[in-house]
C-alpha atoms as a PDB file:
ATOM      1  CA  UNK A   1       2.820 -19.780  -9.632  1.00  0.00           C
ATOM      2  CA  UNK A   2      -0.230 -19.714  -7.354  1.00  0.00           C
ATOM      3  CA  UNK A   3      -3.823 -19.879  -8.553  1.00  0.00           C
ATOM      4  CA  UNK A   4      -4.184 -16.150  -7.967  1.00  0.00           C
ATOM      5  CA  UNK A   5      -1.108 -15.338 -10.017  1.00  0.00           C
ATOM      6  CA  UNK A   6      -2.105 -17.513 -12.972  1.00  0.00           C
ATOM      7  CA  UNK A   7      -4.291 -14.759 -14.382  1.00  0.00           C
ATOM      8  CA  UNK A   8      -1.304 -12.435 -14.856  1.00  0.00           C
ATOM      9  CA  UNK A   9       0.241 -11.963 -18.264  1.00  0.00           C
ATOM     10  CA  UNK A  10       3.809 -10.793 -18.782  1.00  0.00           C
ATOM     11  CA  UNK A  11       5.184  -9.098 -21.890  1.00  0.00           C
ATOM     12  CA  UNK A  12       7.886  -6.720 -23.058  1.00  0.00           C
ATOM     13  CA  UNK A  13       7.340  -3.477 -24.967  1.00  0.00           C
ATOM     14  CA  UNK A  14      10.747  -2.063 -25.879  1.00  0.00           C
ATOM     15  CA  UNK A  15      12.662  -1.617 -22.636  1.00  0.00           C
ATOM     16  CA  UNK A  16       9.497  -1.882 -20.551  1.00  0.00           C
ATOM     17  CA  UNK A  17       8.417  -5.110 -18.835  1.00  0.00           C
ATOM     18  CA  UNK A  18       4.734  -5.431 -17.974  1.00  0.00           C
ATOM     19  CA  UNK A  19       2.862  -7.861 -15.748  1.00  0.00           C
ATOM     20  CA  UNK A  20      -0.913  -7.331 -15.892  1.00  0.00           C
ATOM     21  CA  UNK A  21      -4.168  -8.972 -14.894  1.00  0.00           C
ATOM     22  CA  UNK A  22      -5.416 -10.214 -18.258  1.00  0.00           C
ATOM     23  CA  UNK A  23      -9.031 -10.013 -17.079  1.00  0.00           C
ATOM     24  CA  UNK A  24      -8.770  -6.282 -16.416  1.00  0.00           C
ATOM     25  CA  UNK A  25      -6.240  -5.180 -19.044  1.00  0.00           C
ATOM     26  CA  UNK A  26      -6.904  -6.716 -22.436  1.00  0.00           C
ATOM     27  CA  UNK A  27      -4.505  -4.463 -24.364  1.00  0.00           C
ATOM     28  CA  UNK A  28      -1.391  -3.920 -22.194  1.00  0.00           C
ATOM     29  CA  UNK A  29       0.381  -0.638 -22.858  1.00  0.00           C
ATOM     30  CA  UNK A  30       3.152   1.187 -20.955  1.00  0.00           C
ATOM     31  CA  UNK A  31       0.991   4.325 -21.138  1.00  0.00           C
ATOM     32  CA  UNK A  32      -1.319   2.766 -18.557  1.00  0.00           C
ATOM     33  CA  UNK A  33       1.425   3.502 -16.049  1.00  0.00           C
ATOM     34  CA  UNK A  34       1.894   7.177 -16.993  1.00  0.00           C
ATOM     35  CA  UNK A  35      -0.183   9.823 -15.206  1.00  0.00           C
ATOM     36  CA  UNK A  36       0.155  12.217 -18.157  1.00  0.00           C
ATOM     37  CA  UNK A  37      -1.145   9.567 -20.556  1.00  0.00           C
ATOM     38  CA  UNK A  38      -4.320   9.154 -18.487  1.00  0.00           C
ATOM     39  CA  UNK A  39      -4.808  12.918 -18.543  1.00  0.00           C
ATOM     40  CA  UNK A  40      -4.315  12.976 -22.314  1.00  0.00           C
ATOM     41  CA  UNK A  41      -7.179  10.468 -22.564  1.00  0.00           C
ATOM     42  CA  UNK A  42      -9.277  12.986 -20.618  1.00  0.00           C
ATOM     43  CA  UNK A  43      -9.765  10.383 -17.900  1.00  0.00           C
ATOM     44  CA  UNK A  44     -10.399  11.605 -14.379  1.00  0.00           C
ATOM     45  CA  UNK A  45      -7.110  11.704 -12.483  1.00  0.00           C
ATOM     46  CA  UNK A  46      -7.025  12.739  -8.824  1.00  0.00           C
ATOM     47  CA  UNK A  47      -4.079  12.821  -6.411  1.00  0.00           C
ATOM     48  CA  UNK A  48      -4.854  10.866  -3.269  1.00  0.00           C
ATOM     49  CA  UNK A  49      -4.490  12.973  -0.105  1.00  0.00           C
ATOM     50  CA  UNK A  50      -2.612  11.604   2.852  1.00  0.00           C
ATOM     51  CA  UNK A  51      -0.841   8.815   0.979  1.00  0.00           C
ATOM     52  CA  UNK A  52       2.858   8.452   1.724  1.00  0.00           C
ATOM     53  CA  UNK A  53       5.025  10.527  -0.594  1.00  0.00           C
ATOM     54  CA  UNK A  54       2.007  12.018  -2.430  1.00  0.00           C
ATOM     55  CA  UNK A  55       2.837   9.811  -5.413  1.00  0.00           C
ATOM     56  CA  UNK A  56      -0.482   8.000  -5.838  1.00  0.00           C
ATOM     57  CA  UNK A  57      -3.359   8.940  -8.137  1.00  0.00           C
ATOM     58  CA  UNK A  58      -6.877   7.626  -8.599  1.00  0.00           C
ATOM     59  CA  UNK A  59      -7.609   7.100 -12.294  1.00  0.00           C
ATOM     60  CA  UNK A  60     -10.943   6.364 -13.939  1.00  0.00           C
ATOM     61  CA  UNK A  61     -10.282   3.025 -15.644  1.00  0.00           C
ATOM     62  CA  UNK A  62     -13.416   3.280 -17.780  1.00  0.00           C
ATOM     63  CA  UNK A  63     -14.096  -0.408 -17.142  1.00  0.00           C
ATOM     64  CA  UNK A  64     -17.435  -1.132 -15.469  1.00  0.00           C
ATOM     65  CA  UNK A  65     -16.998   1.957 -13.351  1.00  0.00           C
ATOM     66  CA  UNK A  66     -13.703   0.783 -11.867  1.00  0.00           C
ATOM     67  CA  UNK A  67     -11.234   3.215 -10.362  1.00  0.00           C
ATOM     68  CA  UNK A  68      -7.596   2.211 -10.186  1.00  0.00           C
ATOM     69  CA  UNK A  69      -4.712   3.609  -8.189  1.00  0.00           C
ATOM     70  CA  UNK A  70      -1.478   4.360 -10.032  1.00  0.00           C
ATOM     71  CA  UNK A  71       1.526   4.602  -7.769  1.00  0.00           C
ATOM     72  CA  UNK A  72       5.167   5.304  -8.582  1.00  0.00           C
ATOM     73  CA  UNK A  73       7.908   3.268  -6.985  1.00  0.00           C
ATOM     74  CA  UNK A  74      11.152   4.754  -5.737  1.00  0.00           C
ATOM     75  CA  UNK A  75       9.883   8.099  -4.499  1.00  0.00           C
ATOM     76  CA  UNK A  76      11.041   7.661  -0.903  1.00  0.00           C
ATOM     77  CA  UNK A  77      13.857   6.130   1.093  1.00  0.00           C
ATOM     78  CA  UNK A  78      17.545   6.907   1.387  1.00  0.00           C
ATOM     79  CA  UNK A  79      18.344   5.828  -2.178  1.00  0.00           C
ATOM     80  CA  UNK A  80      15.967   8.464  -3.538  1.00  0.00           C
ATOM     81  CA  UNK A  81      18.324  11.208  -2.401  1.00  0.00           C
ATOM     82  CA  UNK A  82      20.965   9.944  -4.813  1.00  0.00           C
ATOM     83  CA  UNK A  83      19.116   8.017  -7.524  1.00  0.00           C
ATOM     84  CA  UNK A  84      15.704   9.703  -7.683  1.00  0.00           C
ATOM     85  CA  UNK A  85      13.187   7.081  -8.810  1.00  0.00           C
ATOM     86  CA  UNK A  86      15.822   4.812 -10.301  1.00  0.00           C
ATOM     87  CA  UNK A  87      16.865   1.599  -8.591  1.00  0.00           C
ATOM     88  CA  UNK A  88      19.708  -0.842  -9.375  1.00  0.00           C
ATOM     89  CA  UNK A  89      18.745  -3.591 -11.837  1.00  0.00           C
ATOM     90  CA  UNK A  90      19.258  -7.081 -10.369  1.00  0.00           C
ATOM     91  CA  UNK A  91      16.862  -8.997 -12.575  1.00  0.00           C
ATOM     92  CA  UNK A  92      13.186  -8.574 -13.365  1.00  0.00           C
ATOM     93  CA  UNK A  93      11.809 -10.747 -10.567  1.00  0.00           C
ATOM     94  CA  UNK A  94      13.815  -8.781  -8.004  1.00  0.00           C
ATOM     95  CA  UNK A  95      12.371  -5.409  -8.994  1.00  0.00           C
ATOM     96  CA  UNK A  96      10.065  -3.695  -6.515  1.00  0.00           C
ATOM     97  CA  UNK A  97       6.927  -3.499  -8.701  1.00  0.00           C
ATOM     98  CA  UNK A  98       7.024  -7.197  -9.640  1.00  0.00           C
ATOM     99  CA  UNK A  99       7.569  -8.287  -6.053  1.00  0.00           C
ATOM    100  CA  UNK A 100       4.761  -6.040  -4.815  1.00  0.00           C
ATOM    101  CA  UNK A 101       2.284  -7.319  -7.389  1.00  0.00           C
ATOM    102  CA  UNK A 102       2.980 -10.960  -6.489  1.00  0.00           C
ATOM    103  CA  UNK A 103       2.771 -10.193  -2.773  1.00  0.00           C
ATOM    104  CA  UNK A 104      -0.598  -8.506  -3.306  1.00  0.00           C
ATOM    105  CA  UNK A 105      -1.868 -11.570  -5.183  1.00  0.00           C
ATOM    106  CA  UNK A 106      -0.809 -13.824  -2.314  1.00  0.00           C
ATOM    107  CA  UNK A 107      -2.373 -11.568   0.330  1.00  0.00           C
ATOM    108  CA  UNK A 108      -5.653 -11.503  -1.582  1.00  0.00           C
ATOM    109  CA  UNK A 109      -5.630 -15.304  -1.610  1.00  0.00           C
ATOM    110  CA  UNK A 110      -5.079 -15.256   2.147  1.00  0.00           C
ATOM    111  CA  UNK A 111      -8.124 -13.026   2.590  1.00  0.00           C
ATOM    112  CA  UNK A 112      -6.199 -10.020   3.847  1.00  0.00           C
ATOM    113  CA  UNK A 113      -7.786  -6.597   3.205  1.00  0.00           C
ATOM    114  CA  UNK A 114      -5.572  -5.217   0.428  1.00  0.00           C
ATOM    115  CA  UNK A 115      -6.289  -3.664  -2.989  1.00  0.00           C
ATOM    116  CA  UNK A 116      -6.746  -5.871  -6.034  1.00  0.00           C
ATOM    117  CA  UNK A 117      -3.474  -6.192  -7.982  1.00  0.00           C
ATOM    118  CA  UNK A 118      -3.987  -4.915 -11.554  1.00  0.00           C
ATOM    119  CA  UNK A 119      -0.531  -4.530 -13.071  1.00  0.00           C
ATOM    120  CA  UNK A 120       3.116  -3.563 -12.729  1.00  0.00           C
ATOM    121  CA  UNK A 121       5.554  -1.862 -15.086  1.00  0.00           C
ATOM    122  CA  UNK A 122       9.354  -1.904 -14.987  1.00  0.00           C
ATOM    123  CA  UNK A 123      11.320   0.362 -17.331  1.00  0.00           C
ATOM    124  CA  UNK A 124      14.898  -0.821 -17.827  1.00  0.00           C
ATOM    125  CA  UNK A 125      17.524   1.920 -18.062  1.00  0.00           C
ATOM    126  CA  UNK A 126      20.852   0.124 -18.387  1.00  0.00           C
ATOM    127  CA  UNK A 127      22.053  -0.746 -14.894  1.00  0.00           C
ATOM    128  CA  UNK A 128      18.924   0.814 -13.361  1.00  0.00           C
ATOM    129  CA  UNK A 129      15.140   0.698 -13.637  1.00  0.00           C
ATOM    130  CA  UNK A 130      12.028   2.703 -12.756  1.00  0.00           C
ATOM    131  CA  UNK A 131       8.639   1.247 -12.014  1.00  0.00           C
ATOM    132  CA  UNK A 132       4.973   1.703 -11.191  1.00  0.00           C
ATOM    133  CA  UNK A 133       2.103  -0.394  -9.837  1.00  0.00           C
ATOM    134  CA  UNK A 134      -1.615  -0.334 -10.641  1.00  0.00           C
ATOM    135  CA  UNK A 135      -4.143  -1.610  -8.116  1.00  0.00           C
ATOM    136  CA  UNK A 136      -7.865  -1.414  -7.551  1.00  0.00           C
ATOM    137  CA  UNK A 137      -9.005   1.402  -5.318  1.00  0.00           C
ATOM    138  CA  UNK A 138     -10.383   0.615  -1.882  1.00  0.00           C
ATOM    139  CA  UNK A 139     -12.703   3.003  -0.021  1.00  0.00           C
ATOM    140  CA  UNK A 140     -11.802   5.224   2.864  1.00  0.00           C
ATOM    141  CA  UNK A 141      -9.186   7.808   3.748  1.00  0.00           C
ATOM    142  CA  UNK A 142      -5.713   7.282   5.067  1.00  0.00           C
ATOM    143  CA  UNK A 143      -5.195   7.327   8.802  1.00  0.00           C
ATOM    144  CA  UNK A 144      -2.600  10.016   8.158  1.00  0.00           C
ATOM    145  CA  UNK A 145      -5.227  12.210   6.484  1.00  0.00           C
ATOM    146  CA  UNK A 146      -7.641  11.703   9.399  1.00  0.00           C
ATOM    147  CA  UNK A 147      -4.902  12.700  11.804  1.00  0.00           C
ATOM    148  CA  UNK A 148      -4.172  15.864   9.856  1.00  0.00           C
ATOM    149  CA  UNK A 149      -7.896  16.648   9.824  1.00  0.00           C
ATOM    150  CA  UNK A 150      -8.038  16.079  13.615  1.00  0.00           C
ATOM    151  CA  UNK A 151     -10.807  13.472  13.380  1.00  0.00           C
ATOM    152  CA  UNK A 152     -10.463  11.002  16.300  1.00  0.00           C
ATOM    153  CA  UNK A 153     -12.615   7.846  16.201  1.00  0.00           C
ATOM    154  CA  UNK A 154     -11.789   5.105  18.746  1.00  0.00           C
ATOM    155  CA  UNK A 155     -13.956   2.562  16.933  1.00  0.00           C
ATOM    156  CA  UNK A 156     -11.904   2.996  13.759  1.00  0.00           C
ATOM    157  CA  UNK A 157      -8.657   2.746  15.690  1.00  0.00           C
ATOM    158  CA  UNK A 158      -9.858  -0.458  17.311  1.00  0.00           C
ATOM    159  CA  UNK A 159     -10.386  -1.881  13.813  1.00  0.00           C
ATOM    160  CA  UNK A 160      -6.890  -0.726  12.867  1.00  0.00           C
ATOM    161  CA  UNK A 161      -5.487  -2.751  15.765  1.00  0.00           C
ATOM    162  CA  UNK A 162      -7.243  -5.988  14.803  1.00  0.00           C
ATOM    163  CA  UNK A 163      -6.360  -5.518  11.125  1.00  0.00           C
ATOM    164  CA  UNK A 164      -2.676  -4.931  11.810  1.00  0.00           C
ATOM    165  CA  UNK A 165      -2.580  -8.092  13.885  1.00  0.00           C
ATOM    166  CA  UNK A 166      -3.928 -10.126  10.959  1.00  0.00           C
ATOM    167  CA  UNK A 167      -1.088  -8.928   8.752  1.00  0.00           C
ATOM    168  CA  UNK A 168       1.500  -9.529  11.440  1.00  0.00           C
ATOM    169  CA  UNK A 169       0.261 -13.047  12.087  1.00  0.00           C
ATOM    170  CA  UNK A 170       0.545 -13.690   8.344  1.00  0.00           C
ATOM    171  CA  UNK A 171       4.139 -12.442   8.450  1.00  0.00           C
ATOM    172  CA  UNK A 172       3.694  -9.377   6.213  1.00  0.00           C
ATOM    173  CA  UNK A 173       6.568  -7.004   6.953  1.00  0.00           C
ATOM    174  CA  UNK A 174       6.807  -3.470   5.582  1.00  0.00           C
ATOM    175  CA  UNK A 175      10.133  -1.597   5.893  1.00  0.00           C
ATOM    176  CA  UNK A 176       8.559   1.876   5.749  1.00  0.00           C
ATOM    177  CA  UNK A 177       5.218   1.338   7.456  1.00  0.00           C
ATOM    178  CA  UNK A 178       3.253   4.360   8.729  1.00  0.00           C
ATOM    179  CA  UNK A 179      -0.267   5.740   9.138  1.00  0.00           C
ATOM    180  CA  UNK A 180      -0.176   6.677   5.450  1.00  0.00           C
ATOM    181  CA  UNK A 181      -0.455   2.984   4.574  1.00  0.00           C
ATOM    182  CA  UNK A 182      -3.705   2.487   6.529  1.00  0.00           C
ATOM    183  CA  UNK A 183      -7.040   3.322   4.877  1.00  0.00           C
ATOM    184  CA  UNK A 184     -10.071   3.667   7.121  1.00  0.00           C
ATOM    185  CA  UNK A 185     -13.752   3.611   6.185  1.00  0.00           C
ATOM    186  CA  UNK A 186     -15.755   3.603   9.410  1.00  0.00           C
ATOM    187  CA  UNK A 187     -14.825   0.343  11.113  1.00  0.00           C
ATOM    188  CA  UNK A 188     -13.376  -1.197   7.939  1.00  0.00           C
ATOM    189  CA  UNK A 189      -9.626  -1.033   7.406  1.00  0.00           C
ATOM    190  CA  UNK A 190      -7.268  -1.845   4.521  1.00  0.00           C
ATOM    191  CA  UNK A 191      -3.515  -1.693   4.174  1.00  0.00           C
ATOM    192  CA  UNK A 192      -2.074  -0.272   0.948  1.00  0.00           C
ATOM    193  CA  UNK A 193       1.224   0.679  -0.714  1.00  0.00           C
ATOM    194  CA  UNK A 194       3.431  -2.381  -0.200  1.00  0.00           C
ATOM    195  CA  UNK A 195       6.613  -1.146  -1.872  1.00  0.00           C
ATOM    196  CA  UNK A 196       9.511  -3.018  -0.258  1.00  0.00           C
ATOM    197  CA  UNK A 197       7.229  -5.300   1.770  1.00  0.00           C
ATOM    198  CA  UNK A 198       7.797  -9.032   2.001  1.00  0.00           C
ATOM    199  CA  UNK A 199       6.874 -12.119   3.960  1.00  0.00           C
ATOM    200  CA  UNK A 200       8.955 -12.991   6.995  1.00  0.00           C
ATOM    201  CA  UNK A 201       8.603 -14.994  10.160  1.00  0.00           C
ATOM    202  CA  UNK A 202       6.456 -13.210  12.779  1.00  0.00           C
ATOM    203  CA  UNK A 203       8.580 -11.659  15.511  1.00  0.00           C
ATOM    204  CA  UNK A 204       9.476  -8.556  17.474  1.00  0.00           C
ATOM    205  CA  UNK A 205       9.414  -6.379  14.352  1.00  0.00           C
ATOM    206  CA  UNK A 206       5.599  -6.425  14.408  1.00  0.00           C
ATOM    207  CA  UNK A 207       5.139  -4.338  17.535  1.00  0.00           C
ATOM    208  CA  UNK A 208       7.380  -1.664  16.016  1.00  0.00           C
ATOM    209  CA  UNK A 209       4.689  -1.045  13.394  1.00  0.00           C
ATOM    210  CA  UNK A 210       2.428   0.144  16.186  1.00  0.00           C
ATOM    211  CA  UNK A 211       5.156   2.472  17.365  1.00  0.00           C
ATOM    212  CA  UNK A 212       5.437   3.942  13.881  1.00  0.00           C
ATOM    213  CA  UNK A 213       1.728   4.773  13.869  1.00  0.00           C
ATOM    214  CA  UNK A 214       2.147   6.513  17.210  1.00  0.00           C
ATOM    215  CA  UNK A 215       5.170   8.435  15.903  1.00  0.00           C
ATOM    216  CA  UNK A 216       3.270   9.508  12.789  1.00  0.00           C
ATOM    217  CA  UNK A 217       0.372  10.657  14.975  1.00  0.00           C
ATOM    218  CA  UNK A 218       2.638  12.811  17.148  1.00  0.00           C
ATOM    219  CA  UNK A 219       4.197  14.372  14.037  1.00  0.00           C
ATOM    220  CA  UNK A 220       0.811  15.054  12.426  1.00  0.00           C
ATOM    221  CA  UNK A 221      -0.997  16.386  15.501  1.00  0.00           C
ATOM    222  CA  UNK A 222       1.766  17.787  17.652  1.00  0.00           C
ATOM    223  CA  UNK A 223       2.530  16.301  21.064  1.00  0.00           C
ATOM    224  CA  UNK A 224       0.031  18.419  23.022  1.00  0.00           C
ATOM    225  CA  UNK A 225      -2.944  17.509  20.847  1.00  0.00           C
ATOM    226  CA  UNK A 226      -1.907  13.844  20.727  1.00  0.00           C
ATOM    227  CA  UNK A 227      -2.039  13.787  24.546  1.00  0.00           C
ATOM    228  CA  UNK A 228      -5.643  15.009  24.551  1.00  0.00           C
ATOM    229  CA  UNK A 229      -8.188  12.508  25.887  1.00  0.00           C
ATOM    230  CA  UNK A 230      -9.903  11.943  22.523  1.00  0.00           C
ATOM    231  CA  UNK A 231      -6.686  10.863  20.796  1.00  0.00           C
ATOM    232  CA  UNK A 232      -5.416   8.842  23.737  1.00  0.00           C
ATOM    233  CA  UNK A 233      -8.721   6.945  23.646  1.00  0.00           C
ATOM    234  CA  UNK A 234      -7.977   6.109  20.004  1.00  0.00           C
ATOM    235  CA  UNK A 235      -4.502   4.838  20.809  1.00  0.00           C
ATOM    236  CA  UNK A 236      -5.757   2.767  23.742  1.00  0.00           C
ATOM    237  CA  UNK A 237      -8.483   1.244  21.559  1.00  0.00           C
ATOM    238  CA  UNK A 238      -5.905   0.215  18.934  1.00  0.00           C
ATOM    239  CA  UNK A 239      -3.485  -1.263  21.471  1.00  0.00           C
ATOM    240  CA  UNK A 240      -6.220  -3.016  23.461  1.00  0.00           C
ATOM    241  CA  UNK A 241      -7.673  -4.699  20.364  1.00  0.00           C
ATOM    242  CA  UNK A 242      -4.225  -5.741  19.150  1.00  0.00           C
ATOM    243  CA  UNK A 243      -3.354  -7.316  22.501  1.00  0.00           C
ATOM    244  CA  UNK A 244      -6.772  -8.948  22.790  1.00  0.00           C
ATOM    245  CA  UNK A 245      -6.266 -10.626  19.420  1.00  0.00           C
ATOM    246  CA  UNK A 246      -2.805 -11.788  20.418  1.00  0.00           C
ATOM    247  CA  UNK A 247      -4.169 -13.372  23.613  1.00  0.00           C
ATOM    248  CA  UNK A 248      -6.970 -15.082  21.682  1.00  0.00           C
ATOM    249  CA  UNK A 249      -4.431 -16.488  19.232  1.00  0.00           C
ATOM    250  CA  UNK A 250      -2.259 -17.917  22.030  1.00  0.00           C
ATOM    251  CA  UNK A 251      -5.220 -19.607  23.702  1.00  0.00           C
ATOM    252  CA  UNK A 252      -6.600 -21.110  20.489  1.00  0.00           C
END
């Protein structure tokens, strides 16, 4: 266990397995991972626009003004058509929420711009499980939301390019990456929602992430609007900054 992971506490409550940051959650409870339970507490609960799958909510944690993001696992992908949110049980450490929480802890240690990992819940249901993840909230709006709002900003897209390169150089691979995983606040950028992500050796898969952003943009804007000068300037800024960083890395 790394230094960053040492603060996490694991426990079982019935058929639910929890892994939580003991500094932020002093009384672990499965209800922390239920949207309805937060509403019953009369806490502020807001769906987050533009996030992939529309399955993420901002919740008022009531702790020093913190806002957390509660996100359900298993809401997208081919398996969801047949299993809904359930996934096959292959052991606790192989469940999506536990793997995501540990990956987030490692990325934070590496200085990558990701949310703070707060906790994960896995609910065992015989041969299957369901799960959720709690993280800190980072500022900004998703790139997908900005596309839908038709708000081009080449400076922000340039920052997206340099940020993506940092993750790729660290070997962070996401199987379902899109503009909905990129949060933008001016020229600051974070990546979020790492369900299914893992570390792997850098390679040709990285450039495909850029292609997925372009594909998402075309779907959100329509091809004609995407080809307008303002949006092409955004795409060129992203690609130019990504390539510039690659060249700098090779010459270092």
